[in-house]
Amino acid sequence: MNSYIKQVELSAPIEEVYEAITTEKGIKSWWTVDCDVSTEVGGVHSFRFERLLFNSMKIVDLVPSEKVHWTCIEGWNEWKGTDVVFKLRSIDERKTSVEFQHIGLTPSLSCYKMCSKGWDDTLLHLQQYVENGETNAHVPHTGLKGVLSRSAFKVFTRQYTK
């Protein structure tokens, strides 16, 4: 089966796109503000939604302005052992092509439809961030809404973490 792949063209220099994908400030601007970010090969990112661990990604490879490669080491069972790869190519000094792959995220998985939609939205957030500084990362809810959101997330993710 084919893994999830999406090609996007961003109106931003390749260095800015690479920085958005590899720095704490960048990742917290387009994916989730509740994360721990490493900046070196072998380091681990931990991503949380509603203050609950979604997954941890080990950094496999960082090639400046060319490639970012992570492997999921903890989180949803269907994600464990899958690879997230960003391949960057400069179109010109103000445009960058990104080939995004989630290798192992295939249509045969029960989470595929939801996860591919999630990646579509997340890559749009990356685009909005690098093109005009707009931050659309997930922010945990607070108060009663936060308690309810965490409870719902726990129940929802049970099917993917057993």
N, C-alpha and C. Protein backbone atom coordinates (compact mmCIF):
# COMPACT_ATOMS: atom_id res chain seq x y z
N MET A 1 0.83 -1.20 0.00
CA MET A 1 0.00 0.00 0.00
C MET A 1 0.87 1.25 0.00
N ASN A 2 0.35 2.29 -0.57
CA ASN A 2 1.06 3.56 -0.62
C ASN A 2 0.93 4.32 0.69
N SER A 3 2.02 4.89 1.11
CA SER A 3 2.02 5.74 2.30
C SER A 3 1.52 7.13 1.94
N TYR A 4 1.18 7.91 2.95
CA TYR A 4 0.71 9.27 2.75
C TYR A 4 1.86 10.14 2.23
N ILE A 5 1.62 10.79 1.11
CA ILE A 5 2.59 11.71 0.51
C ILE A 5 1.83 12.95 0.06
N LYS A 6 2.42 14.10 0.31
CA LYS A 6 1.82 15.36 -0.15
C LYS A 6 2.92 16.30 -0.58
N GLN A 7 2.73 16.91 -1.72
CA GLN A 7 3.66 17.90 -2.27
C GLN A 7 3.03 19.27 -2.08
N VAL A 8 3.79 20.20 -1.48
CA VAL A 8 3.30 21.57 -1.33
C VAL A 8 4.37 22.55 -1.79
N GLU A 9 3.92 23.64 -2.36
CA GLU A 9 4.82 24.72 -2.77
C GLU A 9 4.59 25.88 -1.83
N LEU A 10 5.66 26.32 -1.18
CA LEU A 10 5.55 27.39 -0.20
C LEU A 10 6.25 28.64 -0.72
N SER A 11 5.61 29.76 -0.55
CA SER A 11 6.19 31.05 -0.95
C SER A 11 7.06 31.56 0.19
N ALA A 12 8.19 30.89 0.37
CA ALA A 12 9.15 31.25 1.41
C ALA A 12 10.51 30.66 1.03
N PRO A 13 11.59 31.32 1.42
CA PRO A 13 12.92 30.79 1.12
C PRO A 13 13.15 29.45 1.83
N ILE A 14 13.93 28.60 1.22
CA ILE A 14 14.17 27.26 1.75
C ILE A 14 14.74 27.28 3.16
N GLU A 15 15.58 28.24 3.48
CA GLU A 15 16.17 28.33 4.82
C GLU A 15 15.10 28.56 5.88
N GLU A 16 14.10 29.38 5.55
CA GLU A 16 13.02 29.66 6.49
C GLU A 16 12.12 28.44 6.68
N VAL A 17 11.90 27.69 5.62
CA VAL A 17 11.09 26.48 5.72
C VAL A 17 11.82 25.45 6.59
N TYR A 18 13.10 25.26 6.33
CA TYR A 18 13.89 24.32 7.13
C TYR A 18 13.87 24.71 8.61
N GLU A 19 14.03 25.99 8.88
CA GLU A 19 14.01 26.48 10.27
C GLU A 19 12.65 26.22 10.92
N ALA A 20 11.58 26.39 10.18
CA ALA A 20 10.24 26.16 10.73
C ALA A 20 10.03 24.69 11.12
N ILE A 21 10.70 23.78 10.42
CA ILE A 21 10.53 22.35 10.65
C ILE A 21 11.51 21.83 11.71
N THR A 22 12.57 22.57 12.00
CA THR A 22 13.63 22.03 12.86
C THR A 22 13.87 22.79 14.16
N THR A 23 13.13 23.85 14.41
CA THR A 23 13.35 24.62 15.64
C THR A 23 12.11 24.58 16.53
N GLU A 24 12.33 24.81 17.81
CA GLU A 24 11.21 24.84 18.75
C GLU A 24 10.22 25.93 18.38
N LYS A 25 10.72 27.12 18.09
CA LYS A 25 9.83 28.23 17.72
C LYS A 25 9.01 27.86 16.49
N GLY A 26 9.67 27.27 15.51
CA GLY A 26 8.96 26.90 14.29
C GLY A 26 7.88 25.87 14.53
N ILE A 27 8.25 24.73 15.11
CA ILE A 27 7.29 23.64 15.31
C ILE A 27 6.12 24.08 16.19
N LYS A 28 6.40 24.89 17.20
CA LYS A 28 5.33 25.37 18.07
C LYS A 28 4.43 26.40 17.38
N SER A 29 4.79 26.81 16.19
CA SER A 29 3.98 27.78 15.45
C SER A 29 3.02 27.13 14.47
N TRP A 30 3.27 25.86 14.10
CA TRP A 30 2.40 25.24 13.10
C TRP A 30 1.85 23.87 13.49
N TRP A 31 2.39 23.20 14.53
CA TRP A 31 1.84 21.89 14.88
C TRP A 31 1.14 21.94 16.24
N THR A 32 1.87 21.97 17.32
CA THR A 32 1.28 22.08 18.64
C THR A 32 2.22 22.87 19.55
N VAL A 33 1.66 23.75 20.35
CA VAL A 33 2.50 24.53 21.26
C VAL A 33 2.99 23.69 22.42
N ASP A 34 2.31 22.57 22.67
CA ASP A 34 2.65 21.69 23.79
C ASP A 34 3.55 20.56 23.30
N CYS A 35 4.83 20.88 23.20
CA CYS A 35 5.79 19.88 22.72
C CYS A 35 7.18 20.17 23.28
N ASP A 36 7.98 19.13 23.30
CA ASP A 36 9.40 19.26 23.61
C ASP A 36 10.13 19.00 22.31
N VAL A 37 11.04 19.89 21.96
CA VAL A 37 11.70 19.83 20.66
C VAL A 37 13.20 19.69 20.84
N SER A 38 13.77 18.75 20.13
CA SER A 38 15.22 18.59 20.08
C SER A 38 15.71 19.20 18.77
N THR A 39 16.98 19.51 18.72
CA THR A 39 17.51 20.13 17.50
C THR A 39 18.68 19.36 16.90
N GLU A 40 18.88 18.11 17.36
CA GLU A 40 20.01 17.35 16.83
C GLU A 40 19.62 15.91 16.54
N VAL A 41 20.35 15.31 15.61
CA VAL A 41 20.12 13.91 15.26
C VAL A 41 20.27 13.05 16.51
N GLY A 42 19.32 12.13 16.69
CA GLY A 42 19.29 11.28 17.88
C GLY A 42 18.39 11.83 18.97
N GLY A 43 18.09 13.12 18.91
CA GLY A 43 17.19 13.73 19.88
C GLY A 43 15.76 13.31 19.63
N VAL A 44 14.89 13.62 20.58
CA VAL A 44 13.49 13.21 20.50
C VAL A 44 12.57 14.41 20.69
N HIS A 45 11.59 14.49 19.80
CA HIS A 45 10.49 15.45 19.95
C HIS A 45 9.34 14.71 20.64
N SER A 46 8.65 15.35 21.56
CA SER A 46 7.43 14.80 22.15
C SER A 46 6.30 15.78 21.89
N PHE A 47 5.26 15.29 21.23
CA PHE A 47 4.13 16.13 20.84
C PHE A 47 2.90 15.76 21.67
N ARG A 48 2.26 16.76 22.26
CA ARG A 48 1.10 16.53 23.10
C ARG A 48 -0.10 17.35 22.58
N PHE A 49 -1.27 16.75 22.76
CA PHE A 49 -2.53 17.43 22.49
C PHE A 49 -3.38 17.30 23.74
N GLU A 50 -3.95 18.39 24.16
CA GLU A 50 -4.72 18.45 25.41
C GLU A 50 -3.89 17.92 26.58
N ARG A 51 -2.60 18.25 26.57
CA ARG A 51 -1.63 17.92 27.61
C ARG A 51 -1.38 16.42 27.75
N LEU A 52 -1.79 15.64 26.76
CA LEU A 52 -1.57 14.20 26.75
C LEU A 52 -0.66 13.84 25.59
N LEU A 53 0.27 12.91 25.82
CA LEU A 53 1.22 12.53 24.78
C LEU A 53 0.50 11.98 23.57
N PHE A 54 0.79 12.53 22.41
CA PHE A 54 0.29 12.01 21.14
C PHE A 54 1.33 11.08 20.55
N ASN A 55 2.57 11.57 20.46
CA ASN A 55 3.66 10.72 20.00
C ASN A 55 5.01 11.34 20.31
N SER A 56 6.03 10.51 20.21
CA SER A 56 7.42 10.97 20.31
C SER A 56 8.13 10.55 19.04
N MET A 57 8.88 11.48 18.48
CA MET A 57 9.59 11.26 17.23
C MET A 57 11.08 11.43 17.46
N LYS A 58 11.85 10.40 17.10
CA LYS A 58 13.31 10.48 17.17
C LYS A 58 13.82 11.08 15.87
N ILE A 59 14.75 12.02 15.98
CA ILE A 59 15.32 12.65 14.79
C ILE A 59 16.36 11.71 14.20
N VAL A 60 16.11 11.25 12.99
CA VAL A 60 16.98 10.31 12.30
C VAL A 60 18.01 11.04 11.45
N ASP A 61 17.57 12.11 10.79
CA ASP A 61 18.46 12.80 9.86
C ASP A 61 18.04 14.26 9.73
N LEU A 62 19.04 15.13 9.69
CA LEU A 62 18.84 16.56 9.43
C LEU A 62 19.88 16.98 8.41
N VAL A 63 19.44 17.30 7.22
CA VAL A 63 20.33 17.81 6.18
C VAL A 63 19.86 19.23 5.90
N PRO A 64 20.62 20.23 6.37
CA PRO A 64 20.16 21.62 6.25
C PRO A 64 19.65 21.98 4.85
N SER A 65 18.44 22.53 4.83
CA SER A 65 17.77 22.99 3.62
C SER A 65 17.55 21.88 2.59
N GLU A 66 17.56 20.62 3.05
CA GLU A 66 17.31 19.51 2.13
C GLU A 66 16.33 18.48 2.68
N LYS A 67 16.58 18.03 3.93
CA LYS A 67 15.80 16.89 4.42
C LYS A 67 15.71 16.89 5.94
N VAL A 68 14.53 16.51 6.43
CA VAL A 68 14.28 16.28 7.85
C VAL A 68 13.60 14.93 7.94
N HIS A 69 14.11 14.05 8.81
CA HIS A 69 13.58 12.68 8.91
C HIS A 69 13.41 12.33 10.39
N TRP A 70 12.17 11.95 10.74
CA TRP A 70 11.85 11.53 12.11
C TRP A 70 11.27 10.12 12.06
N THR A 71 11.46 9.36 13.14
CA THR A 71 10.82 8.04 13.31
C THR A 71 10.00 8.07 14.59
N CYS A 72 8.76 7.59 14.50
CA CYS A 72 7.89 7.55 15.67
C CYS A 72 8.31 6.39 16.58
N ILE A 73 8.66 6.73 17.82
CA ILE A 73 9.13 5.71 18.77
C ILE A 73 8.14 5.48 19.91
N GLU A 74 7.16 6.36 20.06
CA GLU A 74 6.18 6.22 21.13
C GLU A 74 4.91 6.92 20.72
N GLY A 75 3.77 6.37 21.13
CA GLY A 75 2.49 6.98 20.82
C GLY A 75 1.52 5.98 20.26
N TRP A 76 0.67 6.42 19.36
CA TRP A 76 -0.32 5.54 18.76
C TRP A 76 0.37 4.35 18.13
N ASN A 77 -0.18 3.14 18.35
CA ASN A 77 0.42 1.92 17.82
C ASN A 77 0.58 1.97 16.31
N GLU A 78 -0.41 2.53 15.61
CA GLU A 78 -0.34 2.57 14.15
C GLU A 78 0.74 3.52 13.65
N TRP A 79 1.23 4.40 14.53
CA TRP A 79 2.30 5.32 14.15
C TRP A 79 3.67 4.79 14.53
N LYS A 80 3.75 3.93 15.54
CA LYS A 80 5.06 3.44 16.00
C LYS A 80 5.80 2.76 14.86
N GLY A 81 7.05 3.17 14.69
CA GLY A 81 7.87 2.60 13.63
C GLY A 81 7.67 3.25 12.26
N THR A 82 6.75 4.21 12.17
CA THR A 82 6.56 4.91 10.90
C THR A 82 7.55 6.08 10.83
N ASP A 83 7.77 6.58 9.64
CA ASP A 83 8.73 7.66 9.41
C ASP A 83 8.05 8.87 8.81
N VAL A 84 8.42 10.03 9.31
CA VAL A 84 7.96 11.31 8.78
C VAL A 84 9.16 11.97 8.12
N VAL A 85 9.02 12.30 6.84
CA VAL A 85 10.14 12.85 6.08
C VAL A 85 9.68 14.10 5.33
N PHE A 86 10.45 15.17 5.49
CA PHE A 86 10.26 16.40 4.73
C PHE A 86 11.45 16.51 3.78
N LYS A 87 11.20 16.53 2.47
CA LYS A 87 12.25 16.75 1.49
C LYS A 87 12.03 18.13 0.89
N LEU A 88 13.05 18.97 0.99
CA LEU A 88 12.94 20.36 0.55
C LEU A 88 13.74 20.57 -0.73
N ARG A 89 13.18 21.39 -1.62
CA ARG A 89 13.88 21.76 -2.85
C ARG A 89 13.57 23.22 -3.15
N SER A 90 14.60 23.98 -3.41
CA SER A 90 14.43 25.39 -3.73
C SER A 90 13.93 25.53 -5.17
N ILE A 91 12.82 26.23 -5.33
CA ILE A 91 12.30 26.53 -6.67
C ILE A 91 12.98 27.79 -7.18
N ASP A 92 13.05 28.78 -6.33
CA ASP A 92 13.83 29.99 -6.57
C ASP A 92 14.12 30.59 -5.20
N GLU A 93 14.67 31.77 -5.14
CA GLU A 93 15.09 32.31 -3.84
C GLU A 93 13.93 32.62 -2.90
N ARG A 94 12.70 32.62 -3.41
CA ARG A 94 11.54 32.91 -2.56
C ARG A 94 10.48 31.82 -2.55
N LYS A 95 10.78 30.67 -3.15
CA LYS A 95 9.81 29.58 -3.18
C LYS A 95 10.50 28.25 -2.90
N THR A 96 9.79 27.41 -2.14
CA THR A 96 10.32 26.11 -1.76
C THR A 96 9.28 25.03 -2.01
N SER A 97 9.72 23.93 -2.59
CA SER A 97 8.87 22.76 -2.75
C SER A 97 9.15 21.82 -1.58
N VAL A 98 8.08 21.33 -0.97
CA VAL A 98 8.21 20.36 0.12
C VAL A 98 7.49 19.09 -0.29
N GLU A 99 8.23 17.99 -0.31
CA GLU A 99 7.60 16.69 -0.47
C GLU A 99 7.53 16.10 0.93
N PHE A 100 6.31 15.94 1.43
CA PHE A 100 6.10 15.41 2.77
C PHE A 100 5.66 13.96 2.63
N GLN A 101 6.29 13.09 3.41
CA GLN A 101 5.93 11.67 3.42
C GLN A 101 5.73 11.21 4.86
N HIS A 102 4.66 10.48 5.08
CA HIS A 102 4.51 9.74 6.33
C HIS A 102 4.55 8.27 5.92
N ILE A 103 5.75 7.73 5.93
CA ILE A 103 6.00 6.37 5.45
C ILE A 103 5.48 5.38 6.49
N GLY A 104 4.57 4.54 6.07
CA GLY A 104 3.94 3.58 6.97
C GLY A 104 2.51 3.97 7.31
N LEU A 105 2.14 5.22 7.06
CA LEU A 105 0.76 5.65 7.22
C LEU A 105 0.05 5.31 5.91
N THR A 106 -0.60 4.15 5.90
CA THR A 106 -1.21 3.63 4.67
C THR A 106 -2.73 3.53 4.82
N PRO A 107 -3.44 3.48 3.69
CA PRO A 107 -4.90 3.40 3.74
C PRO A 107 -5.44 2.17 4.48
N SER A 108 -4.63 1.15 4.69
CA SER A 108 -5.10 -0.04 5.40
C SER A 108 -5.22 0.19 6.91
N LEU A 109 -4.64 1.27 7.43
CA LEU A 109 -4.70 1.56 8.86
C LEU A 109 -6.03 2.22 9.22
N SER A 110 -6.53 1.90 10.41
CA SER A 110 -7.82 2.46 10.82
C SER A 110 -7.77 3.97 11.00
N CYS A 111 -6.59 4.51 11.31
CA CYS A 111 -6.48 5.96 11.52
C CYS A 111 -6.15 6.73 10.24
N TYR A 112 -6.02 6.04 9.11
CA TYR A 112 -5.52 6.70 7.89
C TYR A 112 -6.35 7.92 7.48
N LYS A 113 -7.64 7.78 7.40
CA LYS A 113 -8.48 8.89 6.92
C LYS A 113 -8.33 10.11 7.83
N MET A 114 -8.41 9.87 9.14
CA MET A 114 -8.29 10.96 10.10
C MET A 114 -6.89 11.56 10.08
N CYS A 115 -5.87 10.70 10.04
CA CYS A 115 -4.48 11.19 10.08
C CYS A 115 -4.09 11.92 8.80
N SER A 116 -4.53 11.42 7.65
CA SER A 116 -4.20 12.12 6.41
C SER A 116 -4.87 13.49 6.38
N LYS A 117 -6.09 13.57 6.88
CA LYS A 117 -6.76 14.88 6.99
C LYS A 117 -6.00 15.77 7.97
N GLY A 118 -5.54 15.18 9.07
CA GLY A 118 -4.75 15.93 10.05
C GLY A 118 -3.47 16.47 9.44
N TRP A 119 -2.77 15.64 8.64
CA TRP A 119 -1.55 16.12 7.97
C TRP A 119 -1.88 17.21 6.96
N ASP A 120 -2.98 17.05 6.22
CA ASP A 120 -3.37 18.11 5.27
C ASP A 120 -3.51 19.44 6.00
N ASP A 121 -4.21 19.42 7.14
CA ASP A 121 -4.41 20.64 7.92
C ASP A 121 -3.09 21.16 8.48
N THR A 122 -2.27 20.26 9.01
CA THR A 122 -1.00 20.66 9.62
C THR A 122 -0.05 21.26 8.59
N LEU A 123 -0.02 20.69 7.40
CA LEU A 123 0.84 21.24 6.34
C LEU A 123 0.33 22.61 5.88
N LEU A 124 -0.98 22.80 5.91
CA LEU A 124 -1.54 24.12 5.62
C LEU A 124 -1.08 25.11 6.68
N HIS A 125 -1.06 24.68 7.95
CA HIS A 125 -0.59 25.56 9.03
C HIS A 125 0.90 25.91 8.84
N LEU A 126 1.69 24.93 8.40
CA LEU A 126 3.10 25.20 8.09
C LEU A 126 3.19 26.26 6.99
N GLN A 127 2.39 26.11 5.97
CA GLN A 127 2.39 27.08 4.87
C GLN A 127 2.01 28.47 5.36
N GLN A 128 0.96 28.56 6.15
CA GLN A 128 0.53 29.87 6.67
C GLN A 128 1.60 30.51 7.54
N TYR A 129 2.31 29.68 8.29
CA TYR A 129 3.37 30.20 9.16
C TYR A 129 4.54 30.75 8.34
N VAL A 130 5.06 29.97 7.40
CA VAL A 130 6.25 30.44 6.66
C VAL A 130 5.93 31.53 5.66
N GLU A 131 4.69 31.57 5.18
CA GLU A 131 4.36 32.58 4.19
C GLU A 131 3.97 33.92 4.79
N ASN A 132 3.29 33.91 5.94
CA ASN A 132 2.86 35.20 6.49
C ASN A 132 2.90 35.29 8.01
N GLY A 133 3.61 34.35 8.66
CA GLY A 133 3.79 34.43 10.11
C GLY A 133 2.58 34.05 10.93
N GLU A 134 1.56 33.54 10.28
CA GLU A 134 0.33 33.16 10.98
C GLU A 134 0.55 31.86 11.76
N THR A 135 0.27 31.89 13.05
CA THR A 135 0.44 30.70 13.88
C THR A 135 -0.91 30.04 14.12
N ASN A 136 -1.01 28.77 13.72
CA ASN A 136 -2.24 28.01 13.88
C ASN A 136 -2.00 26.69 14.58
N ALA A 137 -0.95 26.63 15.37
CA ALA A 137 -0.65 25.40 16.11
C ALA A 137 -1.75 25.12 17.13
N HIS A 138 -1.88 23.85 17.47
CA HIS A 138 -2.85 23.47 18.49
C HIS A 138 -2.45 24.07 19.85
N VAL A 139 -3.41 24.65 20.53
CA VAL A 139 -3.22 25.19 21.88
C VAL A 139 -4.17 24.43 22.80
N PRO A 140 -3.66 23.83 23.89
CA PRO A 140 -4.54 23.07 24.79
C PRO A 140 -5.63 23.97 25.38
N HIS A 141 -6.80 23.38 25.55
CA HIS A 141 -7.90 24.09 26.19
C HIS A 141 -7.63 24.21 27.68
N THR A 142 -8.24 25.18 28.31
CA THR A 142 -8.07 25.39 29.75
C THR A 142 -9.42 25.25 30.44
N GLY A 143 -9.38 25.23 31.77
CA GLY A 143 -10.60 25.19 32.57
C GLY A 143 -11.42 23.94 32.30
N LEU A 144 -12.74 24.07 32.41
CA LEU A 144 -13.64 22.95 32.21
C LEU A 144 -13.52 22.39 30.80
N LYS A 145 -13.38 23.27 29.83
CA LYS A 145 -13.22 22.81 28.45
C LYS A 145 -11.96 21.95 28.31
N GLY A 146 -10.90 22.31 29.03
CA GLY A 146 -9.67 21.52 29.01
C GLY A 146 -9.86 20.15 29.62
N VAL A 147 -10.56 20.09 30.74
CA VAL A 147 -10.84 18.81 31.40
C VAL A 147 -11.65 17.91 30.46
N LEU A 148 -12.69 18.48 29.86
CA LEU A 148 -13.53 17.71 28.94
C LEU A 148 -12.75 17.28 27.71
N SER A 149 -11.92 18.16 27.16
CA SER A 149 -11.13 17.82 25.98
C SER A 149 -10.12 16.71 26.28
N ARG A 150 -9.46 16.78 27.44
CA ARG A 150 -8.52 15.73 27.83
C ARG A 150 -9.22 14.39 27.99
N SER A 151 -10.39 14.41 28.62
CA SER A 151 -11.16 13.17 28.80
C SER A 151 -11.55 12.58 27.45
N ALA A 152 -12.03 13.42 26.56
CA ALA A 152 -12.43 12.95 25.23
C ALA A 152 -11.22 12.41 24.46
N PHE A 153 -10.08 13.10 24.57
CA PHE A 153 -8.87 12.65 23.87
C PHE A 153 -8.42 11.30 24.41
N LYS A 154 -8.48 11.11 25.73
CA LYS A 154 -8.11 9.82 26.34
C LYS A 154 -8.97 8.70 25.79
N VAL A 155 -10.28 8.91 25.79
CA VAL A 155 -11.21 7.89 25.30
C VAL A 155 -10.96 7.62 23.83
N PHE A 156 -10.85 8.67 23.05
CA PHE A 156 -10.65 8.54 21.61
C PHE A 156 -9.37 7.79 21.27
N THR A 157 -8.28 8.09 21.98
CA THR A 157 -6.99 7.49 21.62
C THR A 157 -6.81 6.07 22.15
N ARG A 158 -7.69 5.61 23.04
CA ARG A 158 -7.54 4.24 23.56
C ARG A 158 -7.48 3.22 22.44
N GLN A 159 -8.28 3.44 21.38
CA GLN A 159 -8.32 2.48 20.28
C GLN A 159 -6.99 2.42 19.52
N TYR A 160 -6.17 3.45 19.65
CA TYR A 160 -4.91 3.50 18.91
C TYR A 160 -3.69 3.21 19.79
N THR A 161 -3.89 3.04 21.09
CA THR A 161 -2.73 2.85 21.99
C THR A 161 -2.75 1.52 22.72
N LYS A 162 -3.63 0.63 22.41
CA LYS A 162 -3.68 -0.67 23.09
C LYS A 162 -2.61 -1.59 22.56
